[in-house]
């Protein structure tokens, strides 16, 4: 069984019932897999939620496993930022925290924005 770390783009598609993501995640859960997100993803989701979407959004997010940001993840995200900056690549702090979370906990990242996660050591779910 795998644990899938959902990026914000995937959660937004689920909440908006687009791209068959609701069905995809449902099939993964039925197969015994776990769905998760970083707490920074929660911040991004709540930053864009509209009043009429709050109840549905909260119900969905409560069903996910949440990975907190701690000093170990902050350090790892900072080191990743340093490494990629030296390569001339500017990466967002939120994406670096999500990448660090996936790496530290051996999670499979599910994202539509692979370009934001250039780390070769990451495992990705092959989204259609």
Foldseek 3Di string as FASTA:
>chain_A
DAEEEEALVLLVCCLVVPPCSVVVVVVCVVVVYAYAYEVVSVVVVVVPDDPVSVVVSVVVRVRHHYDYDDPQLLVQLVVVQVVVVVVVDHADSSLSSRLSVCVVVVHEYEDPCVVNPVDPPHHYDDRD
